[in-house]
Amino acid sequence: MNVPFWVWALTVLGFVVIVTADLLTADRRPHVISTKEAALWVGFYASLAIVFGIALGLIAGWDFGGQYFGGYVTELSLSVDNLFVFVIILASFAVPQEFQHRVLMIGIVIALVLRAGLIALGAAAIEAFSGVFYIFGAFLLFTAVQLLRHRDAEPEPGKNAVLRFAERVLPTTTEYHGTKLTTIVSDRRVVTPMLLVILAIGTTDVLFALDSIPAIFGLTQEPYIVLAANAFALLGLRQLYFLINGLLDKLVYLSIGLAVILGFIGVKLILHALHESTGTTPEISLPLSLGVIAAVLIMTTVTSLVKVRRDESAGTSPPAQE
């Protein structure tokens, strides 16, 4: 897929315009995001992602269009796990509800910029050494096993190295001053919790990208598609947080489902690497990959809701995740 520079530039500019418009809207009237408003925004971003995918399929061919949709669904499903971390970060920093939209938006923009760097590194590694798919595949299998082993563990955003460094070297205040990132206290410029929570969300997301980036490279090796799928998934993730925040505790089998997806794509990557080496090893097709991912997500959601309902009927409280 040969993507001209002007297409890259136009695509990036489009995302910049969307982000800027969203930020201006949020900053003009800080308020608590209602479920209805969140649903409208989720629909808006999902519609943009779908229109982009259809346009890509019509222009570049439906093989690339299918790769994009597969990557978008995969990135969005893996990013849902981020929402649990968002809940913990926003609660630990006691972010006022009317400012949470702005915090998540800026944090996700930081995450997207950092992910772009990871995508560039991944594409360069693939270009230089096709055997990197063995590494990606093995890493995803390892991550899947670790996710299963530690599925009940609480995320600890406080261990974020960037956040610890910022808190150690920057003068900070514990009080919020609207949406200001810095303010003056006793004639001294200090950092507000708003800046720290944005750093926490943006940099913590990169840890999740360490598995999601190799995963999407298992579905497409086109950097343009990888970047677009990541961008649309992350932009919609913020509004998805406000839409399903109250439902997150009901997805008790989410970690198991995501582990299955990561393990499946890990096997796909290893088979692809073997096919490149031998020319005879069968590969897992994109339609089959999409079918497996969709089936796992549906099964995870349904079984989670069934378990929660049974626990509620029995008068017991379900665990946060299993």
C-alpha atoms as a PDB file:
ATOM      1  CA  MET A   1       0.000   0.000   0.000  1.00  0.00           C
ATOM      2  CA  ASN A   2       1.735   3.158  -1.230  1.00  0.00           C
ATOM      3  CA  VAL A   3       0.411   6.132   0.734  1.00  0.00           C
ATOM      4  CA  PRO A   4       1.588   9.526  -0.630  1.00  0.00           C
ATOM      5  CA  PHE A   5       2.935  12.070   1.816  1.00  0.00           C
ATOM      6  CA  TRP A   6       0.024  14.430   1.181  1.00  0.00           C
ATOM      7  CA  VAL A   7      -2.428  11.716   2.271  1.00  0.00           C
ATOM      8  CA  TRP A   8      -0.498  11.231   5.517  1.00  0.00           C
ATOM      9  CA  ALA A   9      -0.459  14.996   6.058  1.00  0.00           C
ATOM     10  CA  LEU A  10      -4.171  15.375   5.301  1.00  0.00           C
ATOM     11  CA  THR A  11      -5.074  12.491   7.614  1.00  0.00           C
ATOM     12  CA  VAL A  12      -3.021  13.862  10.514  1.00  0.00           C
ATOM     13  CA  LEU A  13      -4.475  17.329   9.909  1.00  0.00           C
ATOM     14  CA  GLY A  14      -7.973  15.840  10.017  1.00  0.00           C
ATOM     15  CA  PHE A  15      -7.304  14.268  13.405  1.00  0.00           C
ATOM     16  CA  VAL A  16      -5.820  17.554  14.679  1.00  0.00           C
ATOM     17  CA  VAL A  17      -8.955  19.435  13.594  1.00  0.00           C
ATOM     18  CA  ILE A  18     -11.224  16.872  15.308  1.00  0.00           C
ATOM     19  CA  VAL A  19      -9.232  16.986  18.545  1.00  0.00           C
ATOM     20  CA  THR A  20      -9.084  20.798  18.541  1.00  0.00           C
ATOM     21  CA  ALA A  21     -12.826  21.115  17.957  1.00  0.00           C
ATOM     22  CA  ASP A  22     -13.529  18.619  20.738  1.00  0.00           C
ATOM     23  CA  LEU A  23     -11.241  20.442  23.177  1.00  0.00           C
ATOM     24  CA  LEU A  24     -12.781  23.819  22.373  1.00  0.00           C
ATOM     25  CA  THR A  25     -16.244  22.351  22.937  1.00  0.00           C
ATOM     26  CA  ALA A  26     -15.232  20.837  26.295  1.00  0.00           C
ATOM     27  CA  ASP A  27     -13.425  23.958  27.537  1.00  0.00           C
ATOM     28  CA  ARG A  28     -16.191  26.359  26.519  1.00  0.00           C
ATOM     29  CA  ARG A  29     -18.647  24.878  28.980  1.00  0.00           C
ATOM     30  CA  PRO A  30     -17.173  22.389  31.489  1.00  0.00           C
ATOM     31  CA  HIS A  31     -19.964  20.102  32.678  1.00  0.00           C
ATOM     32  CA  VAL A  32     -20.783  16.574  33.740  1.00  0.00           C
ATOM     33  CA  ILE A  33     -21.192  14.370  30.665  1.00  0.00           C
ATOM     34  CA  SER A  34     -24.617  12.727  30.636  1.00  0.00           C
ATOM     35  CA  THR A  35     -25.245   9.228  29.288  1.00  0.00           C
ATOM     36  CA  LYS A  36     -27.231  10.657  26.376  1.00  0.00           C
ATOM     37  CA  GLU A  37     -24.484  13.091  25.419  1.00  0.00           C
ATOM     38  CA  ALA A  38     -21.841  10.377  25.691  1.00  0.00           C
ATOM     39  CA  ALA A  39     -23.924   8.063  23.486  1.00  0.00           C
ATOM     40  CA  LEU A  40     -24.201  10.779  20.823  1.00  0.00           C
ATOM     41  CA  TRP A  41     -20.441  11.362  20.858  1.00  0.00           C
ATOM     42  CA  VAL A  42     -19.719   7.625  20.717  1.00  0.00           C
ATOM     43  CA  GLY A  43     -22.024   7.380  17.722  1.00  0.00           C
ATOM     44  CA  PHE A  44     -20.292  10.365  16.110  1.00  0.00           C
ATOM     45  CA  TYR A  45     -16.786   8.910  16.469  1.00  0.00           C
ATOM     46  CA  ALA A  46     -17.937   5.423  15.449  1.00  0.00           C
ATOM     47  CA  SER A  47     -19.563   6.928  12.357  1.00  0.00           C
ATOM     48  CA  LEU A  48     -16.339   8.748  11.469  1.00  0.00           C
ATOM     49  CA  ALA A  49     -14.382   5.499  11.852  1.00  0.00           C
ATOM     50  CA  ILE A  50     -16.847   3.585   9.673  1.00  0.00           C
ATOM     51  CA  VAL A  51     -16.923   6.269   6.961  1.00  0.00           C
ATOM     52  CA  PHE A  52     -13.128   6.320   6.917  1.00  0.00           C
ATOM     53  CA  GLY A  53     -13.011   2.534   6.555  1.00  0.00           C
ATOM     54  CA  ILE A  54     -15.546   2.539   3.717  1.00  0.00           C
ATOM     55  CA  ALA A  55     -13.639   5.315   1.919  1.00  0.00           C
ATOM     56  CA  LEU A  56     -10.387   3.398   2.360  1.00  0.00           C
ATOM     57  CA  GLY A  57     -11.990   0.242   0.969  1.00  0.00           C
ATOM     58  CA  LEU A  58     -13.391   2.072  -2.054  1.00  0.00           C
ATOM     59  CA  ILE A  59     -10.115   3.844  -2.826  1.00  0.00           C
ATOM     60  CA  ALA A  60      -7.433   1.311  -1.873  1.00  0.00           C
ATOM     61  CA  GLY A  61      -9.392  -1.952  -2.132  1.00  0.00           C
ATOM     62  CA  TRP A  62     -11.426  -3.985   0.303  1.00  0.00           C
ATOM     63  CA  ASP A  63      -8.450  -6.072   1.342  1.00  0.00           C
ATOM     64  CA  PHE A  64      -7.028  -2.959   3.012  1.00  0.00           C
ATOM     65  CA  GLY A  65     -10.512  -1.899   4.096  1.00  0.00           C
ATOM     66  CA  GLY A  66     -10.959  -5.231   5.868  1.00  0.00           C
ATOM     67  CA  GLN A  67      -7.555  -4.858   7.525  1.00  0.00           C
ATOM     68  CA  TYR A  68      -8.574  -1.445   8.817  1.00  0.00           C
ATOM     69  CA  PHE A  69     -11.878  -2.623  10.267  1.00  0.00           C
ATOM     70  CA  GLY A  70     -10.165  -5.633  11.846  1.00  0.00           C
ATOM     71  CA  GLY A  71      -7.526  -3.381  13.378  1.00  0.00           C
ATOM     72  CA  TYR A  72     -10.111  -0.855  14.582  1.00  0.00           C
ATOM     73  CA  VAL A  73     -12.251  -3.489  16.310  1.00  0.00           C
ATOM     74  CA  THR A  74      -9.167  -5.097  17.867  1.00  0.00           C
ATOM     75  CA  GLU A  75      -7.750  -1.794  19.141  1.00  0.00           C
ATOM     76  CA  LEU A  76     -11.125  -0.703  20.502  1.00  0.00           C
ATOM     77  CA  SER A  77     -11.686  -4.005  22.312  1.00  0.00           C
ATOM     78  CA  LEU A  78      -8.191  -4.054  23.807  1.00  0.00           C
ATOM     79  CA  SER A  79      -8.539  -0.389  24.788  1.00  0.00           C
ATOM     80  CA  VAL A  80     -11.652  -1.136  26.856  1.00  0.00           C
ATOM     81  CA  ASP A  81      -9.286  -2.528  29.481  1.00  0.00           C
ATOM     82  CA  ASN A  82      -7.877   1.018  29.734  1.00  0.00           C
ATOM     83  CA  LEU A  83     -11.223   2.200  31.054  1.00  0.00           C
ATOM     84  CA  PHE A  84     -10.687   0.362  34.342  1.00  0.00           C
ATOM     85  CA  VAL A  85      -7.406   2.240  34.764  1.00  0.00           C
ATOM     86  CA  PHE A  86      -9.096   5.531  33.877  1.00  0.00           C
ATOM     87  CA  VAL A  87     -11.623   4.926  36.657  1.00  0.00           C
ATOM     88  CA  ILE A  88      -8.855   4.315  39.198  1.00  0.00           C
ATOM     89  CA  ILE A  89      -6.759   7.310  38.090  1.00  0.00           C
ATOM     90  CA  LEU A  90      -9.662   9.759  38.093  1.00  0.00           C
ATOM     91  CA  ALA A  91     -10.803   8.495  41.501  1.00  0.00           C
ATOM     92  CA  SER A  92      -7.326   8.557  43.062  1.00  0.00           C
ATOM     93  CA  PHE A  93      -6.802  12.165  41.918  1.00  0.00           C
ATOM     94  CA  ALA A  94     -10.382  13.108  42.898  1.00  0.00           C
ATOM     95  CA  VAL A  95     -10.936  14.830  39.549  1.00  0.00           C
ATOM     96  CA  PRO A  96     -14.173  16.875  39.581  1.00  0.00           C
ATOM     97  CA  GLN A  97     -16.703  15.342  37.186  1.00  0.00           C
ATOM     98  CA  GLU A  98     -17.086  18.499  35.123  1.00  0.00           C
ATOM     99  CA  PHE A  99     -13.359  18.418  34.271  1.00  0.00           C
ATOM    100  CA  GLN A 100     -13.017  14.699  33.530  1.00  0.00           C
ATOM    101  CA  HIS A 101     -13.839  15.156  29.837  1.00  0.00           C
ATOM    102  CA  ARG A 102     -10.912  17.552  29.347  1.00  0.00           C
ATOM    103  CA  VAL A 103      -8.523  15.400  31.375  1.00  0.00           C
ATOM    104  CA  LEU A 104      -9.306  12.308  29.336  1.00  0.00           C
ATOM    105  CA  MET A 105      -9.097  14.183  26.044  1.00  0.00           C
ATOM    106  CA  ILE A 106      -5.640  15.661  26.642  1.00  0.00           C
ATOM    107  CA  GLY A 107      -4.399  12.426  28.207  1.00  0.00           C
ATOM    108  CA  ILE A 108      -5.528  10.448  25.180  1.00  0.00           C
ATOM    109  CA  VAL A 109      -3.895  12.945  22.796  1.00  0.00           C
ATOM    110  CA  ILE A 110      -0.614  12.402  24.649  1.00  0.00           C
ATOM    111  CA  ALA A 111      -1.169   8.650  24.404  1.00  0.00           C
ATOM    112  CA  LEU A 112      -1.838   8.909  20.666  1.00  0.00           C
ATOM    113  CA  VAL A 113       1.390  10.841  20.064  1.00  0.00           C
ATOM    114  CA  LEU A 114       3.372   8.288  22.061  1.00  0.00           C
ATOM    115  CA  ARG A 115       1.638   5.424  20.244  1.00  0.00           C
ATOM    116  CA  ALA A 116       2.599   6.981  16.910  1.00  0.00           C
ATOM    117  CA  GLY A 117       6.219   6.600  17.980  1.00  0.00           C
ATOM    118  CA  LEU A 118       5.663   2.936  18.845  1.00  0.00           C
ATOM    119  CA  ILE A 119       3.954   2.362  15.492  1.00  0.00           C
ATOM    120  CA  ALA A 120       6.914   3.905  13.660  1.00  0.00           C
ATOM    121  CA  LEU A 121       9.319   1.675  15.597  1.00  0.00           C
ATOM    122  CA  GLY A 122       7.206  -1.413  14.904  1.00  0.00           C
ATOM    123  CA  ALA A 123       6.985  -0.646  11.182  1.00  0.00           C
ATOM    124  CA  ALA A 124      10.743  -0.066  11.001  1.00  0.00           C
ATOM    125  CA  ALA A 125      11.413  -3.342  12.816  1.00  0.00           C
ATOM    126  CA  ILE A 126       9.160  -5.269  10.409  1.00  0.00           C
ATOM    127  CA  GLU A 127      10.818  -3.623   7.405  1.00  0.00           C
ATOM    128  CA  ALA A 128      14.303  -4.477   8.666  1.00  0.00           C
ATOM    129  CA  PHE A 129      13.657  -7.985   9.989  1.00  0.00           C
ATOM    130  CA  SER A 130      10.680 -10.161   9.075  1.00  0.00           C
ATOM    131  CA  GLY A 131      11.533 -12.491  11.967  1.00  0.00           C
ATOM    132  CA  VAL A 132      10.252  -9.784  14.310  1.00  0.00           C
ATOM    133  CA  PHE A 133       6.849 -11.476  13.965  1.00  0.00           C
ATOM    134  CA  TYR A 134       8.224 -14.337  16.081  1.00  0.00           C
ATOM    135  CA  ILE A 135       9.060 -11.772  18.771  1.00  0.00           C
ATOM    136  CA  PHE A 136       5.679 -10.056  18.512  1.00  0.00           C
ATOM    137  CA  GLY A 137       3.870 -13.390  18.617  1.00  0.00           C
ATOM    138  CA  ALA A 138       5.813 -14.675  21.609  1.00  0.00           C
ATOM    139  CA  PHE A 139       5.281 -11.379  23.435  1.00  0.00           C
ATOM    140  CA  LEU A 140       1.518 -11.521  22.889  1.00  0.00           C
ATOM    141  CA  LEU A 141       1.357 -15.118  24.123  1.00  0.00           C
ATOM    142  CA  PHE A 142       3.358 -14.116  27.211  1.00  0.00           C
ATOM    143  CA  THR A 143       1.081 -11.114  27.774  1.00  0.00           C
ATOM    144  CA  ALA A 144      -2.007 -13.305  27.444  1.00  0.00           C
ATOM    145  CA  VAL A 145      -0.701 -15.686  30.101  1.00  0.00           C
ATOM    146  CA  GLN A 146       0.206 -12.798  32.420  1.00  0.00           C
ATOM    147  CA  LEU A 147      -3.234 -11.253  31.925  1.00  0.00           C
ATOM    148  CA  LEU A 148      -4.842 -14.526  32.971  1.00  0.00           C
ATOM    149  CA  ARG A 149      -2.548 -14.950  35.960  1.00  0.00           C
ATOM    150  CA  HIS A 150      -3.069 -11.418  37.273  1.00  0.00           C
ATOM    151  CA  ARG A 151      -6.643 -10.821  36.143  1.00  0.00           C
ATOM    152  CA  ASP A 152      -7.772 -10.060  39.707  1.00  0.00           C
ATOM    153  CA  ALA A 153      -4.929  -7.642  40.448  1.00  0.00           C
ATOM    154  CA  GLU A 154      -5.741  -3.953  40.809  1.00  0.00           C
ATOM    155  CA  PRO A 155      -3.853  -1.634  38.424  1.00  0.00           C
ATOM    156  CA  GLU A 156      -1.386   0.644  40.222  1.00  0.00           C
ATOM    157  CA  PRO A 157      -1.059   3.916  38.279  1.00  0.00           C
ATOM    158  CA  GLY A 158       1.004   5.307  41.146  1.00  0.00           C
ATOM    159  CA  LYS A 159       3.949   3.188  39.955  1.00  0.00           C
ATOM    160  CA  ASN A 160       4.077   5.163  36.693  1.00  0.00           C
ATOM    161  CA  ALA A 161       7.727   6.283  36.382  1.00  0.00           C
ATOM    162  CA  VAL A 162       6.894   9.511  34.545  1.00  0.00           C
ATOM    163  CA  LEU A 163       4.343  10.479  37.181  1.00  0.00           C
ATOM    164  CA  ARG A 164       6.709   9.707  40.072  1.00  0.00           C
ATOM    165  CA  PHE A 165       9.441  11.793  38.431  1.00  0.00           C
ATOM    166  CA  ALA A 166       7.089  14.736  37.869  1.00  0.00           C
ATOM    167  CA  GLU A 167       5.878  14.660  41.462  1.00  0.00           C
ATOM    168  CA  ARG A 168       9.461  14.511  42.715  1.00  0.00           C
ATOM    169  CA  VAL A 169      10.949  17.393  40.697  1.00  0.00           C
ATOM    170  CA  LEU A 170       7.988  19.755  40.201  1.00  0.00           C
ATOM    171  CA  PRO A 171       6.446  21.947  42.902  1.00  0.00           C
ATOM    172  CA  THR A 172       2.810  20.878  43.167  1.00  0.00           C
ATOM    173  CA  THR A 173      -0.410  21.843  44.898  1.00  0.00           C
ATOM    174  CA  THR A 174      -3.094  19.431  46.027  1.00  0.00           C
ATOM    175  CA  GLU A 175      -5.951  21.764  45.062  1.00  0.00           C
ATOM    176  CA  TYR A 176      -7.566  22.079  41.644  1.00  0.00           C
ATOM    177  CA  HIS A 177      -7.751  25.537  40.068  1.00  0.00           C
ATOM    178  CA  GLY A 178     -10.350  24.952  37.383  1.00  0.00           C
ATOM    179  CA  THR A 179      -8.711  23.441  34.319  1.00  0.00           C
ATOM    180  CA  LYS A 180      -5.396  25.223  34.879  1.00  0.00           C
ATOM    181  CA  LEU A 181      -2.287  23.040  34.605  1.00  0.00           C
ATOM    182  CA  THR A 182      -0.219  25.489  36.669  1.00  0.00           C
ATOM    183  CA  THR A 183      -1.062  28.336  39.003  1.00  0.00           C
ATOM    184  CA  ILE A 184       0.515  30.839  41.375  1.00  0.00           C
ATOM    185  CA  VAL A 185       0.553  29.990  45.089  1.00  0.00           C
ATOM    186  CA  SER A 186       2.395  32.300  47.504  1.00  0.00           C
ATOM    187  CA  ASP A 187       4.129  34.063  44.589  1.00  0.00           C
ATOM    188  CA  ARG A 188       5.403  30.725  43.294  1.00  0.00           C
ATOM    189  CA  ARG A 189       4.454  28.886  40.100  1.00  0.00           C
ATOM    190  CA  VAL A 190       3.240  25.381  40.973  1.00  0.00           C
ATOM    191  CA  VAL A 191       1.771  22.421  39.098  1.00  0.00           C
ATOM    192  CA  THR A 192      -1.866  21.526  39.773  1.00  0.00           C
ATOM    193  CA  PRO A 193      -3.216  17.963  40.066  1.00  0.00           C
ATOM    194  CA  MET A 194      -4.777  18.526  36.618  1.00  0.00           C
ATOM    195  CA  LEU A 195      -1.359  18.243  34.936  1.00  0.00           C
ATOM    196  CA  LEU A 196      -0.387  15.177  36.961  1.00  0.00           C
ATOM    197  CA  VAL A 197      -3.578  13.266  36.189  1.00  0.00           C
ATOM    198  CA  ILE A 198      -3.216  14.067  32.463  1.00  0.00           C
ATOM    199  CA  LEU A 199       0.351  12.725  32.542  1.00  0.00           C
ATOM    200  CA  ALA A 200      -0.834   9.640  34.400  1.00  0.00           C
ATOM    201  CA  ILE A 201      -3.519   8.821  31.816  1.00  0.00           C
ATOM    202  CA  GLY A 202      -1.357   9.589  28.786  1.00  0.00           C
ATOM    203  CA  THR A 203       1.716   7.633  29.835  1.00  0.00           C
ATOM    204  CA  THR A 204      -0.114   4.731  31.489  1.00  0.00           C
ATOM    205  CA  ASP A 205      -1.944   4.106  28.200  1.00  0.00           C
ATOM    206  CA  VAL A 206       1.408   3.440  26.520  1.00  0.00           C
ATOM    207  CA  LEU A 207       1.834   0.354  28.704  1.00  0.00           C
ATOM    208  CA  PHE A 208      -1.349  -1.027  27.161  1.00  0.00           C
ATOM    209  CA  ALA A 209      -0.069  -0.099  23.705  1.00  0.00           C
ATOM    210  CA  LEU A 210       2.852  -2.480  24.215  1.00  0.00           C
ATOM    211  CA  ASP A 211       0.460  -5.355  23.531  1.00  0.00           C
ATOM    212  CA  SER A 212      -2.133  -3.673  21.305  1.00  0.00           C
ATOM    213  CA  ILE A 213       0.419  -2.383  18.742  1.00  0.00           C
ATOM    214  CA  PRO A 214       1.929  -5.855  18.081  1.00  0.00           C
ATOM    215  CA  ALA A 215      -1.635  -7.221  18.020  1.00  0.00           C
ATOM    216  CA  ILE A 216      -2.767  -4.931  15.201  1.00  0.00           C
ATOM    217  CA  PHE A 217       0.418  -5.643  13.262  1.00  0.00           C
ATOM    218  CA  GLY A 218      -0.837  -9.211  13.320  1.00  0.00           C
ATOM    219  CA  LEU A 219      -3.801  -8.079  11.217  1.00  0.00           C
ATOM    220  CA  THR A 220      -2.088  -5.553   8.945  1.00  0.00           C
ATOM    221  CA  GLN A 221       1.481  -4.501   8.241  1.00  0.00           C
ATOM    222  CA  GLU A 222       0.429  -1.111   6.849  1.00  0.00           C
ATOM    223  CA  PRO A 223       1.568   1.718   9.175  1.00  0.00           C
ATOM    224  CA  TYR A 224      -1.087   4.063   7.759  1.00  0.00           C
ATOM    225  CA  ILE A 225      -3.872   1.632   8.657  1.00  0.00           C
ATOM    226  CA  VAL A 226      -2.335   0.956  12.079  1.00  0.00           C
ATOM    227  CA  LEU A 227      -2.185   4.674  12.886  1.00  0.00           C
ATOM    228  CA  ALA A 228      -5.718   5.392  11.645  1.00  0.00           C
ATOM    229  CA  ALA A 229      -7.227   2.462  13.556  1.00  0.00           C
ATOM    230  CA  ASN A 230      -5.428   3.509  16.751  1.00  0.00           C
ATOM    231  CA  ALA A 231      -6.480   7.129  16.386  1.00  0.00           C
ATOM    232  CA  PHE A 232     -10.170   6.363  15.879  1.00  0.00           C
ATOM    233  CA  ALA A 233     -10.180   3.782  18.687  1.00  0.00           C
ATOM    234  CA  LEU A 234      -8.567   6.172  21.178  1.00  0.00           C
ATOM    235  CA  LEU A 235     -10.676   9.191  20.232  1.00  0.00           C
ATOM    236  CA  GLY A 236     -13.871   7.220  20.741  1.00  0.00           C
ATOM    237  CA  LEU A 237     -12.572   5.652  23.942  1.00  0.00           C
ATOM    238  CA  ARG A 238     -12.973   8.853  25.947  1.00  0.00           C
ATOM    239  CA  GLN A 239     -16.691   9.110  25.289  1.00  0.00           C
ATOM    240  CA  LEU A 240     -17.074   5.357  25.730  1.00  0.00           C
ATOM    241  CA  TYR A 241     -15.772   5.838  29.269  1.00  0.00           C
ATOM    242  CA  PHE A 242     -18.701   8.112  30.156  1.00  0.00           C
ATOM    243  CA  LEU A 243     -21.173   5.803  28.414  1.00  0.00           C
ATOM    244  CA  ILE A 244     -20.258   2.502  30.063  1.00  0.00           C
ATOM    245  CA  ASN A 245     -18.550   3.654  33.261  1.00  0.00           C
ATOM    246  CA  GLY A 246     -21.337   2.154  35.346  1.00  0.00           C
ATOM    247  CA  LEU A 247     -21.217  -1.096  33.383  1.00  0.00           C
ATOM    248  CA  LEU A 248     -17.485  -1.802  33.718  1.00  0.00           C
ATOM    249  CA  ASP A 249     -17.887  -3.783  36.938  1.00  0.00           C
ATOM    250  CA  LYS A 250     -20.323  -6.082  35.133  1.00  0.00           C
ATOM    251  CA  LEU A 251     -17.717  -7.190  32.568  1.00  0.00           C
ATOM    252  CA  VAL A 252     -16.240  -9.711  34.984  1.00  0.00           C
ATOM    253  CA  TYR A 253     -14.773 -11.924  32.258  1.00  0.00           C
ATOM    254  CA  LEU A 254     -13.220  -9.106  30.229  1.00  0.00           C
ATOM    255  CA  SER A 255      -9.639  -9.991  31.117  1.00  0.00           C
ATOM    256  CA  ILE A 256     -10.174 -13.597  30.065  1.00  0.00           C
ATOM    257  CA  GLY A 257     -11.663 -12.512  26.737  1.00  0.00           C
ATOM    258  CA  LEU A 258      -8.818 -10.099  26.035  1.00  0.00           C
ATOM    259  CA  ALA A 259      -6.271 -12.769  26.949  1.00  0.00           C
ATOM    260  CA  VAL A 260      -7.873 -15.140  24.427  1.00  0.00           C
ATOM    261  CA  ILE A 261      -7.725 -12.450  21.722  1.00  0.00           C
ATOM    262  CA  LEU A 262      -4.078 -11.660  22.449  1.00  0.00           C
ATOM    263  CA  GLY A 263      -3.172 -15.362  22.467  1.00  0.00           C
ATOM    264  CA  PHE A 264      -5.005 -15.960  19.192  1.00  0.00           C
ATOM    265  CA  ILE A 265      -3.250 -13.067  17.453  1.00  0.00           C
ATOM    266  CA  GLY A 266       0.064 -14.233  18.917  1.00  0.00           C
ATOM    267  CA  VAL A 267      -0.433 -17.628  17.269  1.00  0.00           C
ATOM    268  CA  LYS A 268      -1.432 -15.868  14.034  1.00  0.00           C
ATOM    269  CA  LEU A 269       1.798 -13.853  14.055  1.00  0.00           C
ATOM    270  CA  ILE A 270       3.954 -16.924  14.628  1.00  0.00           C
ATOM    271  CA  LEU A 271       2.197 -18.807  11.831  1.00  0.00           C
ATOM    272  CA  HIS A 272       2.741 -15.796   9.558  1.00  0.00           C
ATOM    273  CA  ALA A 273       6.460 -15.774  10.407  1.00  0.00           C
ATOM    274  CA  LEU A 274       6.677 -19.522   9.688  1.00  0.00           C
ATOM    275  CA  HIS A 275       4.862 -19.002   6.382  1.00  0.00           C
ATOM    276  CA  GLU A 276       7.374 -16.307   5.424  1.00  0.00           C
ATOM    277  CA  SER A 277      10.216 -18.706   6.235  1.00  0.00           C
ATOM    278  CA  THR A 278       8.887 -21.951   4.745  1.00  0.00           C
ATOM    279  CA  GLY A 279       6.251 -20.859   2.258  1.00  0.00           C
ATOM    280  CA  THR A 280       4.146 -23.887   3.184  1.00  0.00           C
ATOM    281  CA  THR A 281       2.891 -23.180   6.712  1.00  0.00           C
ATOM    282  CA  PRO A 282      -0.824 -22.282   6.588  1.00  0.00           C
ATOM    283  CA  GLU A 283      -1.842 -18.820   7.788  1.00  0.00           C
ATOM    284  CA  ILE A 284      -4.935 -17.630   9.618  1.00  0.00           C
ATOM    285  CA  SER A 285      -6.993 -15.519   7.226  1.00  0.00           C
ATOM    286  CA  LEU A 286      -8.280 -12.049   8.052  1.00  0.00           C
ATOM    287  CA  PRO A 287     -11.991 -13.077   7.859  1.00  0.00           C
ATOM    288  CA  LEU A 288     -11.320 -15.914  10.310  1.00  0.00           C
ATOM    289  CA  SER A 289      -9.468 -13.500  12.606  1.00  0.00           C
ATOM    290  CA  LEU A 290     -12.365 -11.065  12.582  1.00  0.00           C
ATOM    291  CA  GLY A 291     -14.817 -13.878  13.278  1.00  0.00           C
ATOM    292  CA  VAL A 292     -12.829 -15.153  16.245  1.00  0.00           C
ATOM    293  CA  ILE A 293     -12.379 -11.677  17.731  1.00  0.00           C
ATOM    294  CA  ALA A 294     -16.084 -10.857  17.350  1.00  0.00           C
ATOM    295  CA  ALA A 295     -17.128 -14.218  18.806  1.00  0.00           C
ATOM    296  CA  VAL A 296     -14.845 -13.822  21.829  1.00  0.00           C
ATOM    297  CA  LEU A 297     -16.114 -10.297  22.537  1.00  0.00           C
ATOM    298  CA  ILE A 298     -19.755 -11.362  22.272  1.00  0.00           C
ATOM    299  CA  MET A 299     -19.216 -14.450  24.414  1.00  0.00           C
ATOM    300  CA  THR A 300     -17.271 -12.444  27.020  1.00  0.00           C
ATOM    301  CA  THR A 301     -20.026  -9.837  27.282  1.00  0.00           C
ATOM    302  CA  VAL A 302     -22.900 -12.317  27.417  1.00  0.00           C
ATOM    303  CA  THR A 303     -21.301 -14.662  29.957  1.00  0.00           C
ATOM    304  CA  SER A 304     -20.279 -11.702  32.130  1.00  0.00           C
ATOM    305  CA  LEU A 305     -23.806 -10.294  32.217  1.00  0.00           C
ATOM    306  CA  VAL A 306     -25.289 -13.745  32.889  1.00  0.00           C
ATOM    307  CA  LYS A 307     -22.917 -14.298  35.817  1.00  0.00           C
ATOM    308  CA  VAL A 308     -23.635 -10.872  37.291  1.00  0.00           C
ATOM    309  CA  ARG A 309     -27.381 -11.472  37.036  1.00  0.00           C
ATOM    310  CA  ARG A 310     -27.060 -14.879  38.705  1.00  0.00           C
ATOM    311  CA  ASP A 311     -24.934 -13.397  41.492  1.00  0.00           C
ATOM    312  CA  GLU A 312     -27.450 -10.617  42.036  1.00  0.00           C
ATOM    313  CA  SER A 313     -30.294 -13.162  42.146  1.00  0.00           C
ATOM    314  CA  ALA A 314     -28.332 -15.220  44.670  1.00  0.00           C
ATOM    315  CA  GLY A 315     -27.653 -12.112  46.740  1.00  0.00           C
ATOM    316  CA  THR A 316     -23.877 -12.172  46.271  1.00  0.00           C
ATOM    317  CA  SER A 317     -21.594  -9.469  44.908  1.00  0.00           C
ATOM    318  CA  PRO A 318     -19.545 -10.380  41.834  1.00  0.00           C
ATOM    319  CA  PRO A 319     -15.802  -9.757  41.800  1.00  0.00           C
ATOM    320  CA  ALA A 320     -14.505  -6.738  39.904  1.00  0.00           C
ATOM    321  CA  GLN A 321     -13.046  -9.020  37.220  1.00  0.00           C
ATOM    322  CA  GLU A 322     -12.229 -12.682  36.870  1.00  0.00           C
END
